[in-house]
Amino acid sequence: LNDTRQARGEPPLAMRVGIESGQALVGDLGSSARSVYTAVGSCINLASRLQETARDIGEVLVLGPQARAGISAPLRALGARPVRG
């Protein structure tokens, strides 16, 4: 897809991902008139902040401390970084 976009002179598509693990409330929230399927919780908020951090530091993927604890594969440490909020 990006090859086609670049051939047309368009910028490539990119994404950033923040991952954290923890407890969250997930489901349809709202009323019968208007509801949305969503996830709410501190781990969700942190994952969103980690995605922003990934963008700011030019990384594709940033893991939070709880998500990182469950991974045995070697990872590159980026050091502690403050997140918004």
PDB file of N, CA and C in Angstrom:
ATOM      1  N   LEU A   1       0.816  -1.185   0.000  1.00  0.00           N
ATOM      2  CA  LEU A   1       0.000   0.000   0.000  1.00  0.00           C
ATOM      3  C   LEU A   1       0.868   1.261   0.000  1.00  0.00           C
ATOM      4  N   ASN A   2       1.902   1.261   0.836  1.00  0.00           N
ATOM      5  CA  ASN A   2       2.767   2.437   0.887  1.00  0.00           C
ATOM      6  C   ASN A   2       3.535   2.635  -0.411  1.00  0.00           C
ATOM      7  N   ASP A   3       3.912   1.548  -1.091  1.00  0.00           N
ATOM      8  CA  ASP A   3       4.575   1.695  -2.388  1.00  0.00           C
ATOM      9  C   ASP A   3       3.651   2.405  -3.373  1.00  0.00           C
ATOM     10  N   THR A   4       2.378   2.011  -3.389  1.00  0.00           N
ATOM     11  CA  THR A   4       1.394   2.644  -4.274  1.00  0.00           C
ATOM     12  C   THR A   4       1.202   4.106  -3.905  1.00  0.00           C
ATOM     13  N   ARG A   5       1.091   4.381  -2.610  1.00  0.00           N
ATOM     14  CA  ARG A   5       0.912   5.769  -2.155  1.00  0.00           C
ATOM     15  C   ARG A   5       2.109   6.625  -2.553  1.00  0.00           C
ATOM     16  N   GLN A   6       3.305   6.116  -2.345  1.00  0.00           N
ATOM     17  CA  GLN A   6       4.498   6.888  -2.689  1.00  0.00           C
ATOM     18  C   GLN A   6       4.602   7.098  -4.191  1.00  0.00           C
ATOM     19  N   ALA A   7       4.200   6.114  -4.994  1.00  0.00           N
ATOM     20  CA  ALA A   7       4.223   6.265  -6.456  1.00  0.00           C
ATOM     21  C   ALA A   7       3.274   7.380  -6.899  1.00  0.00           C
ATOM     22  N   ARG A   8       2.201   7.614  -6.146  1.00  0.00           N
ATOM     23  CA  ARG A   8       1.261   8.693  -6.455  1.00  0.00           C
ATOM     24  C   ARG A   8       1.672  10.018  -5.823  1.00  0.00           C
ATOM     25  N   GLY A   9       2.819  10.021  -5.147  1.00  0.00           N
ATOM     26  CA  GLY A   9       3.294  11.237  -4.503  1.00  0.00           C
ATOM     27  C   GLY A   9       2.662  11.502  -3.146  1.00  0.00           C
ATOM     28  N   GLU A  10       2.004  10.493  -2.591  1.00  0.00           N
ATOM     29  CA  GLU A  10       1.368  10.630  -1.290  1.00  0.00           C
ATOM     30  C   GLU A  10       2.318  10.141  -0.200  1.00  0.00           C
ATOM     31  N   PRO A  11       2.190  10.684   0.999  1.00  0.00           N
ATOM     32  CA  PRO A  11       3.066  10.217   2.083  1.00  0.00           C
ATOM     33  C   PRO A  11       2.691   8.799   2.507  1.00  0.00           C
ATOM     34  N   PRO A  12       3.655   8.034   3.013  1.00  0.00           N
ATOM     35  CA  PRO A  12       3.350   6.680   3.477  1.00  0.00           C
ATOM     36  C   PRO A  12       2.488   6.717   4.735  1.00  0.00           C
ATOM     37  N   LEU A  13       1.718   5.665   4.939  1.00  0.00           N
ATOM     38  CA  LEU A  13       0.948   5.518   6.164  1.00  0.00           C
ATOM     39  C   LEU A  13       1.847   4.931   7.244  1.00  0.00           C
ATOM     40  N   ALA A  14       1.633   5.359   8.460  1.00  0.00           N
ATOM     41  CA  ALA A  14       2.400   4.835   9.583  1.00  0.00           C
ATOM     42  C   ALA A  14       1.498   4.791  10.802  1.00  0.00           C
ATOM     43  N   MET A  15       1.891   4.013  11.789  1.00  0.00           N
ATOM     44  CA  MET A  15       1.128   3.972  13.030  1.00  0.00           C
ATOM     45  C   MET A  15       2.079   3.811  14.200  1.00  0.00           C
ATOM     46  N   ARG A  16       1.586   4.161  15.348  1.00  0.00           N
ATOM     47  CA  ARG A  16       2.322   4.001  16.605  1.00  0.00           C
ATOM     48  C   ARG A  16       1.415   3.229  17.553  1.00  0.00           C
ATOM     49  N   VAL A  17       2.015   2.381  18.388  1.00  0.00           N
ATOM     50  CA  VAL A  17       1.240   1.526  19.279  1.00  0.00           C
ATOM     51  C   VAL A  17       1.779   1.645  20.697  1.00  0.00           C
ATOM     52  N   GLY A  18       0.867   1.790  21.645  1.00  0.00           N
ATOM     53  CA  GLY A  18       1.199   1.732  23.067  1.00  0.00           C
ATOM     54  C   GLY A  18       0.428   0.581  23.680  1.00  0.00           C
ATOM     55  N   ILE A  19       1.118  -0.256  24.429  1.00  0.00           N
ATOM     56  CA  ILE A  19       0.474  -1.439  25.024  1.00  0.00           C
ATOM     57  C   ILE A  19       0.725  -1.451  26.530  1.00  0.00           C
ATOM     58  N   GLU A  20      -0.345  -1.645  27.280  1.00  0.00           N
ATOM     59  CA  GLU A  20      -0.244  -1.851  28.725  1.00  0.00           C
ATOM     60  C   GLU A  20      -1.233  -2.943  29.110  1.00  0.00           C
ATOM     61  N   SER A  21      -1.005  -3.571  30.223  1.00  0.00           N
ATOM     62  CA  SER A  21      -1.838  -4.658  30.710  1.00  0.00           C
ATOM     63  C   SER A  21      -2.437  -4.258  32.048  1.00  0.00           C
ATOM     64  N   GLY A  22      -3.652  -4.726  32.312  1.00  0.00           N
ATOM     65  CA  GLY A  22      -4.281  -4.437  33.594  1.00  0.00           C
ATOM     66  C   GLY A  22      -5.770  -4.653  33.517  1.00  0.00           C
ATOM     67  N   GLN A  23      -6.458  -4.277  34.580  1.00  0.00           N
ATOM     68  CA  GLN A  23      -7.903  -4.439  34.632  1.00  0.00           C
ATOM     69  C   GLN A  23      -8.578  -3.246  33.975  1.00  0.00           C
ATOM     70  N   ALA A  24      -9.642  -3.542  33.223  1.00  0.00           N
ATOM     71  CA  ALA A  24     -10.409  -2.499  32.554  1.00  0.00           C
ATOM     72  C   ALA A  24     -11.857  -2.929  32.465  1.00  0.00           C
ATOM     73  N   LEU A  25     -12.712  -1.952  32.351  1.00  0.00           N
ATOM     74  CA  LEU A  25     -14.129  -2.194  32.098  1.00  0.00           C
ATOM     75  C   LEU A  25     -14.323  -2.107  30.594  1.00  0.00           C
ATOM     76  N   VAL A  26     -14.855  -3.174  30.001  1.00  0.00           N
ATOM     77  CA  VAL A  26     -15.009  -3.231  28.551  1.00  0.00           C
ATOM     78  C   VAL A  26     -16.449  -3.602  28.233  1.00  0.00           C
ATOM     79  N   GLY A  27     -17.048  -2.873  27.293  1.00  0.00           N
ATOM     80  CA  GLY A  27     -18.404  -3.218  26.887  1.00  0.00           C
ATOM     81  C   GLY A  27     -19.133  -2.038  26.296  1.00  0.00           C
ATOM     82  N   ASP A  28     -20.427  -2.223  26.071  1.00  0.00           N
ATOM     83  CA  ASP A  28     -21.283  -1.163  25.559  1.00  0.00           C
ATOM     84  C   ASP A  28     -21.614  -0.221  26.705  1.00  0.00           C
ATOM     85  N   LEU A  29     -21.208   1.014  26.597  1.00  0.00           N
ATOM     86  CA  LEU A  29     -21.492   2.020  27.608  1.00  0.00           C
ATOM     87  C   LEU A  29     -22.408   3.078  27.008  1.00  0.00           C
ATOM     88  N   GLY A  30     -23.348   3.553  27.792  1.00  0.00           N
ATOM     89  CA  GLY A  30     -24.259   4.579  27.326  1.00  0.00           C
ATOM     90  C   GLY A  30     -25.691   4.180  27.592  1.00  0.00           C
ATOM     91  N   SER A  31     -26.585   4.687  26.770  1.00  0.00           N
ATOM     92  CA  SER A  31     -28.008   4.403  26.927  1.00  0.00           C
ATOM     93  C   SER A  31     -28.530   3.682  25.694  1.00  0.00           C
ATOM     94  N   SER A  32     -29.812   3.326  25.716  1.00  0.00           N
ATOM     95  CA  SER A  32     -30.392   2.659  24.551  1.00  0.00           C
ATOM     96  C   SER A  32     -30.444   3.605  23.352  1.00  0.00           C
ATOM     97  N   ALA A  33     -30.456   4.905  23.598  1.00  0.00           N
ATOM     98  CA  ALA A  33     -30.474   5.883  22.512  1.00  0.00           C
ATOM     99  C   ALA A  33     -29.098   6.039  21.879  1.00  0.00           C
ATOM    100  N   ARG A  34     -28.064   5.917  22.703  1.00  0.00           N
ATOM    101  CA  ARG A  34     -26.707   6.072  22.175  1.00  0.00           C
ATOM    102  C   ARG A  34     -25.747   5.291  23.051  1.00  0.00           C
ATOM    103  N   SER A  35     -25.109   4.307  22.477  1.00  0.00           N
ATOM    104  CA  SER A  35     -24.106   3.546  23.218  1.00  0.00           C
ATOM    105  C   SER A  35     -22.882   3.359  22.325  1.00  0.00           C
ATOM    106  N   VAL A  36     -21.771   3.096  22.968  1.00  0.00           N
ATOM    107  CA  VAL A  36     -20.522   2.889  22.255  1.00  0.00           C
ATOM    108  C   VAL A  36     -19.767   1.752  22.951  1.00  0.00           C
ATOM    109  N   TYR A  37     -19.152   0.895  22.163  1.00  0.00           N
ATOM    110  CA  TYR A  37     -18.331  -0.177  22.715  1.00  0.00           C
ATOM    111  C   TYR A  37     -16.974   0.428  23.017  1.00  0.00           C
ATOM    112  N   THR A  38     -16.537   0.359  24.253  1.00  0.00           N
ATOM    113  CA  THR A  38     -15.299   1.017  24.635  1.00  0.00           C
ATOM    114  C   THR A  38     -14.638   0.272  25.783  1.00  0.00           C
ATOM    115  N   ALA A  39     -13.460   0.721  26.139  1.00  0.00           N
ATOM    116  CA  ALA A  39     -12.727   0.193  27.284  1.00  0.00           C
ATOM    117  C   ALA A  39     -12.315   1.380  28.156  1.00  0.00           C
ATOM    118  N   VAL A  40     -12.471   1.210  29.465  1.00  0.00           N
ATOM    119  CA  VAL A  40     -12.171   2.275  30.405  1.00  0.00           C
ATOM    120  C   VAL A  40     -11.326   1.696  31.530  1.00  0.00           C
ATOM    121  N   GLY A  41     -10.281   2.393  31.909  1.00  0.00           N
ATOM    122  CA  GLY A  41      -9.442   1.964  33.026  1.00  0.00           C
ATOM    123  C   GLY A  41      -8.096   2.640  32.966  1.00  0.00           C
ATOM    124  N   SER A  42      -7.363   2.593  34.063  1.00  0.00           N
ATOM    125  CA  SER A  42      -6.066   3.260  34.103  1.00  0.00           C
ATOM    126  C   SER A  42      -5.087   2.647  33.104  1.00  0.00           C
ATOM    127  N   CYS A  43      -5.174   1.330  32.868  1.00  0.00           N
ATOM    128  CA  CYS A  43      -4.267   0.707  31.893  1.00  0.00           C
ATOM    129  C   CYS A  43      -4.599   1.180  30.473  1.00  0.00           C
ATOM    130  N   ILE A  44      -5.865   1.461  30.201  1.00  0.00           N
ATOM    131  CA  ILE A  44      -6.261   1.983  28.894  1.00  0.00           C
ATOM    132  C   ILE A  44      -5.707   3.393  28.714  1.00  0.00           C
ATOM    133  N   ASN A  45      -5.835   4.199  29.765  1.00  0.00           N
ATOM    134  CA  ASN A  45      -5.298   5.562  29.702  1.00  0.00           C
ATOM    135  C   ASN A  45      -3.786   5.545  29.501  1.00  0.00           C
ATOM    136  N   LEU A  46      -3.094   4.665  30.208  1.00  0.00           N
ATOM    137  CA  LEU A  46      -1.642   4.588  30.063  1.00  0.00           C
ATOM    138  C   LEU A  46      -1.260   4.118  28.666  1.00  0.00           C
ATOM    139  N   ALA A  47      -1.980   3.149  28.115  1.00  0.00           N
ATOM    140  CA  ALA A  47      -1.688   2.689  26.750  1.00  0.00           C
ATOM    141  C   ALA A  47      -1.827   3.844  25.762  1.00  0.00           C
ATOM    142  N   SER A  48      -2.830   4.683  25.949  1.00  0.00           N
ATOM    143  CA  SER A  48      -2.999   5.851  25.087  1.00  0.00           C
ATOM    144  C   SER A  48      -1.825   6.813  25.227  1.00  0.00           C
ATOM    145  N   ARG A  49      -1.380   7.034  26.456  1.00  0.00           N
ATOM    146  CA  ARG A  49      -0.226   7.925  26.692  1.00  0.00           C
ATOM    147  C   ARG A  49       1.054   7.326  26.115  1.00  0.00           C
ATOM    148  N   LEU A  50       1.180   5.996  26.185  1.00  0.00           N
ATOM    149  CA  LEU A  50       2.358   5.345  25.609  1.00  0.00           C
ATOM    150  C   LEU A  50       2.368   5.481  24.090  1.00  0.00           C
ATOM    151  N   GLN A  51       1.195   5.441  23.476  1.00  0.00           N
ATOM    152  CA  GLN A  51       1.101   5.654  22.030  1.00  0.00           C
ATOM    153  C   GLN A  51       1.575   7.063  21.686  1.00  0.00           C
ATOM    154  N   GLU A  52       1.199   8.050  22.481  1.00  0.00           N
ATOM    155  CA  GLU A  52       1.671   9.416  22.265  1.00  0.00           C
ATOM    156  C   GLU A  52       3.183   9.497  22.424  1.00  0.00           C
ATOM    157  N   THR A  53       3.706   8.803  23.435  1.00  0.00           N
ATOM    158  CA  THR A  53       5.153   8.772  23.655  1.00  0.00           C
ATOM    159  C   THR A  53       5.858   8.135  22.470  1.00  0.00           C
ATOM    160  N   ALA A  54       5.308   7.044  21.944  1.00  0.00           N
ATOM    161  CA  ALA A  54       5.902   6.387  20.772  1.00  0.00           C
ATOM    162  C   ALA A  54       6.013   7.377  19.624  1.00  0.00           C
ATOM    163  N   ARG A  55       4.958   8.144  19.412  1.00  0.00           N
ATOM    164  CA  ARG A  55       4.978   9.161  18.349  1.00  0.00           C
ATOM    165  C   ARG A  55       6.068  10.197  18.623  1.00  0.00           C
ATOM    166  N   ASP A  56       6.132  10.679  19.862  1.00  0.00           N
ATOM    167  CA  ASP A  56       7.068  11.756  20.206  1.00  0.00           C
ATOM    168  C   ASP A  56       8.523  11.337  20.090  1.00  0.00           C
ATOM    169  N   ILE A  57       8.822  10.063  20.352  1.00  0.00           N
ATOM    170  CA  ILE A  57      10.222   9.616  20.323  1.00  0.00           C
ATOM    171  C   ILE A  57      10.565   8.832  19.059  1.00  0.00           C
ATOM    172  N   GLY A  58       9.599   8.699  18.158  1.00  0.00           N
ATOM    173  CA  GLY A  58       9.882   8.044  16.882  1.00  0.00           C
ATOM    174  C   GLY A  58       9.964   6.530  16.938  1.00  0.00           C
ATOM    175  N   GLU A  59       9.281   5.922  17.903  1.00  0.00           N
ATOM    176  CA  GLU A  59       9.234   4.469  18.002  1.00  0.00           C
ATOM    177  C   GLU A  59       7.899   3.972  17.472  1.00  0.00           C
ATOM    178  N   VAL A  60       7.867   2.751  16.969  1.00  0.00           N
ATOM    179  CA  VAL A  60       6.621   2.170  16.473  1.00  0.00           C
ATOM    180  C   VAL A  60       5.818   1.574  17.623  1.00  0.00           C
ATOM    181  N   LEU A  61       6.479   0.995  18.609  1.00  0.00           N
ATOM    182  CA  LEU A  61       5.813   0.273  19.691  1.00  0.00           C
ATOM    183  C   LEU A  61       6.473   0.603  21.018  1.00  0.00           C
ATOM    184  N   VAL A  62       5.651   0.937  22.014  1.00  0.00           N
ATOM    185  CA  VAL A  62       6.146   1.175  23.372  1.00  0.00           C
ATOM    186  C   VAL A  62       5.277   0.358  24.326  1.00  0.00           C
ATOM    187  N   LEU A  63       5.927  -0.397  25.199  1.00  0.00           N
ATOM    188  CA  LEU A  63       5.233  -1.222  26.186  1.00  0.00           C
ATOM    189  C   LEU A  63       5.298  -0.563  27.558  1.00  0.00           C
ATOM    190  N   GLY A  64       4.201  -0.677  28.299  1.00  0.00           N
ATOM    191  CA  GLY A  64       4.176  -0.213  29.675  1.00  0.00           C
ATOM    192  C   GLY A  64       4.765  -1.250  30.598  1.00  0.00           C
ATOM    193  N   PRO A  65       4.951  -0.897  31.872  1.00  0.00           N
ATOM    194  CA  PRO A  65       5.612  -1.817  32.809  1.00  0.00           C
ATOM    195  C   PRO A  65       4.873  -3.126  33.036  1.00  0.00           C
ATOM    196  N   GLN A  66       3.558  -3.111  33.108  1.00  0.00           N
ATOM    197  CA  GLN A  66       2.811  -4.356  33.331  1.00  0.00           C
ATOM    198  C   GLN A  66       2.858  -5.253  32.099  1.00  0.00           C
ATOM    199  N   ALA A  67       2.728  -4.677  30.927  1.00  0.00           N
ATOM    200  CA  ALA A  67       2.798  -5.468  29.690  1.00  0.00           C
ATOM    201  C   ALA A  67       4.194  -6.048  29.506  1.00  0.00           C
ATOM    202  N   ARG A  68       5.199  -5.247  29.816  1.00  0.00           N
ATOM    203  CA  ARG A  68       6.589  -5.681  29.659  1.00  0.00           C
ATOM    204  C   ARG A  68       6.911  -6.837  30.601  1.00  0.00           C
ATOM    205  N   ALA A  69       6.294  -6.843  31.786  1.00  0.00           N
ATOM    206  CA  ALA A  69       6.580  -7.887  32.773  1.00  0.00           C
ATOM    207  C   ALA A  69       6.176  -9.268  32.283  1.00  0.00           C
ATOM    208  N   GLY A  70       5.213  -9.351  31.365  1.00  0.00           N
ATOM    209  CA  GLY A  70       4.751 -10.644  30.884  1.00  0.00           C
ATOM    210  C   GLY A  70       5.455 -11.138  29.637  1.00  0.00           C
ATOM    211  N   ILE A  71       6.517 -10.472  29.225  1.00  0.00           N
ATOM    212  CA  ILE A  71       7.211 -10.845  27.984  1.00  0.00           C
ATOM    213  C   ILE A  71       8.608 -11.340  28.316  1.00  0.00           C
ATOM    214  N   SER A  72       8.939 -12.526  27.805  1.00  0.00           N
ATOM    215  CA  SER A  72      10.264 -13.085  28.071  1.00  0.00           C
ATOM    216  C   SER A  72      11.252 -12.797  26.953  1.00  0.00           C
ATOM    217  N   ALA A  73      10.791 -12.305  25.819  1.00  0.00           N
ATOM    218  CA  ALA A  73      11.689 -11.990  24.694  1.00  0.00           C
ATOM    219  C   ALA A  73      12.554 -10.778  25.044  1.00  0.00           C
ATOM    220  N   PRO A  74      13.754 -10.702  24.464  1.00  0.00           N
ATOM    221  CA  PRO A  74      14.596  -9.539  24.737  1.00  0.00           C
ATOM    222  C   PRO A  74      13.950  -8.266  24.172  1.00  0.00           C
ATOM    223  N   LEU A  75      13.982  -7.213  24.966  1.00  0.00           N
ATOM    224  CA  LEU A  75      13.427  -5.924  24.570  1.00  0.00           C
ATOM    225  C   LEU A  75      14.487  -4.848  24.728  1.00  0.00           C
ATOM    226  N   ARG A  76      14.362  -3.791  23.964  1.00  0.00           N
ATOM    227  CA  ARG A  76      15.274  -2.658  24.076  1.00  0.00           C
ATOM    228  C   ARG A  76      14.665  -1.648  25.036  1.00  0.00           C
ATOM    229  N   ALA A  77      15.362  -1.351  26.116  1.00  0.00           N
ATOM    230  CA  ALA A  77      14.860  -0.411  27.106  1.00  0.00           C
ATOM    231  C   ALA A  77      15.018   1.020  26.588  1.00  0.00           C
ATOM    232  N   LEU A  78      13.965   1.807  26.736  1.00  0.00           N
ATOM    233  CA  LEU A  78      13.999   3.208  26.340  1.00  0.00           C
ATOM    234  C   LEU A  78      14.192   4.124  27.528  1.00  0.00           C
ATOM    235  N   GLY A  79      14.216   3.538  28.713  1.00  0.00           N
ATOM    236  CA  GLY A  79      14.366   4.326  29.932  1.00  0.00           C
ATOM    237  C   GLY A  79      13.025   4.875  30.393  1.00  0.00           C
ATOM    238  N   ALA A  80      13.009   5.367  31.613  1.00  0.00           N
ATOM    239  CA  ALA A  80      11.786   5.945  32.167  1.00  0.00           C
ATOM    240  C   ALA A  80      11.486   7.264  31.466  1.00  0.00           C
ATOM    241  N   ARG A  81      10.219   7.456  31.147  1.00  0.00           N
ATOM    242  CA  ARG A  81       9.779   8.694  30.485  1.00  0.00           C
ATOM    243  C   ARG A  81       8.481   9.142  31.127  1.00  0.00           C
ATOM    244  N   PRO A  82       8.340  10.432  31.344  1.00  0.00           N
ATOM    245  CA  PRO A  82       7.065  10.916  31.876  1.00  0.00           C
ATOM    246  C   PRO A  82       5.977  10.856  30.792  1.00  0.00           C
ATOM    247  N   VAL A  83       4.752  10.605  31.217  1.00  0.00           N
ATOM    248  CA  VAL A  83       3.626  10.630  30.288  1.00  0.00           C
ATOM    249  C   VAL A  83       2.632  11.692  30.769  1.00  0.00           C
ATOM    250  N   ARG A  84       1.878  12.213  29.835  1.00  0.00           N
ATOM    251  CA  ARG A  84       0.896  13.242  30.153  1.00  0.00           C
ATOM    252  C   ARG A  84      -0.129  12.694  31.136  1.00  0.00           C
ATOM    253  N   GLY A  85      -0.509  13.512  32.090  1.00  0.00           N
ATOM    254  CA  GLY A  85      -1.554  13.133  33.045  1.00  0.00           C
ATOM    255  C   GLY A  85      -1.058  12.174  34.084  1.00  0.00           C
TER     256      GLY A  85
END
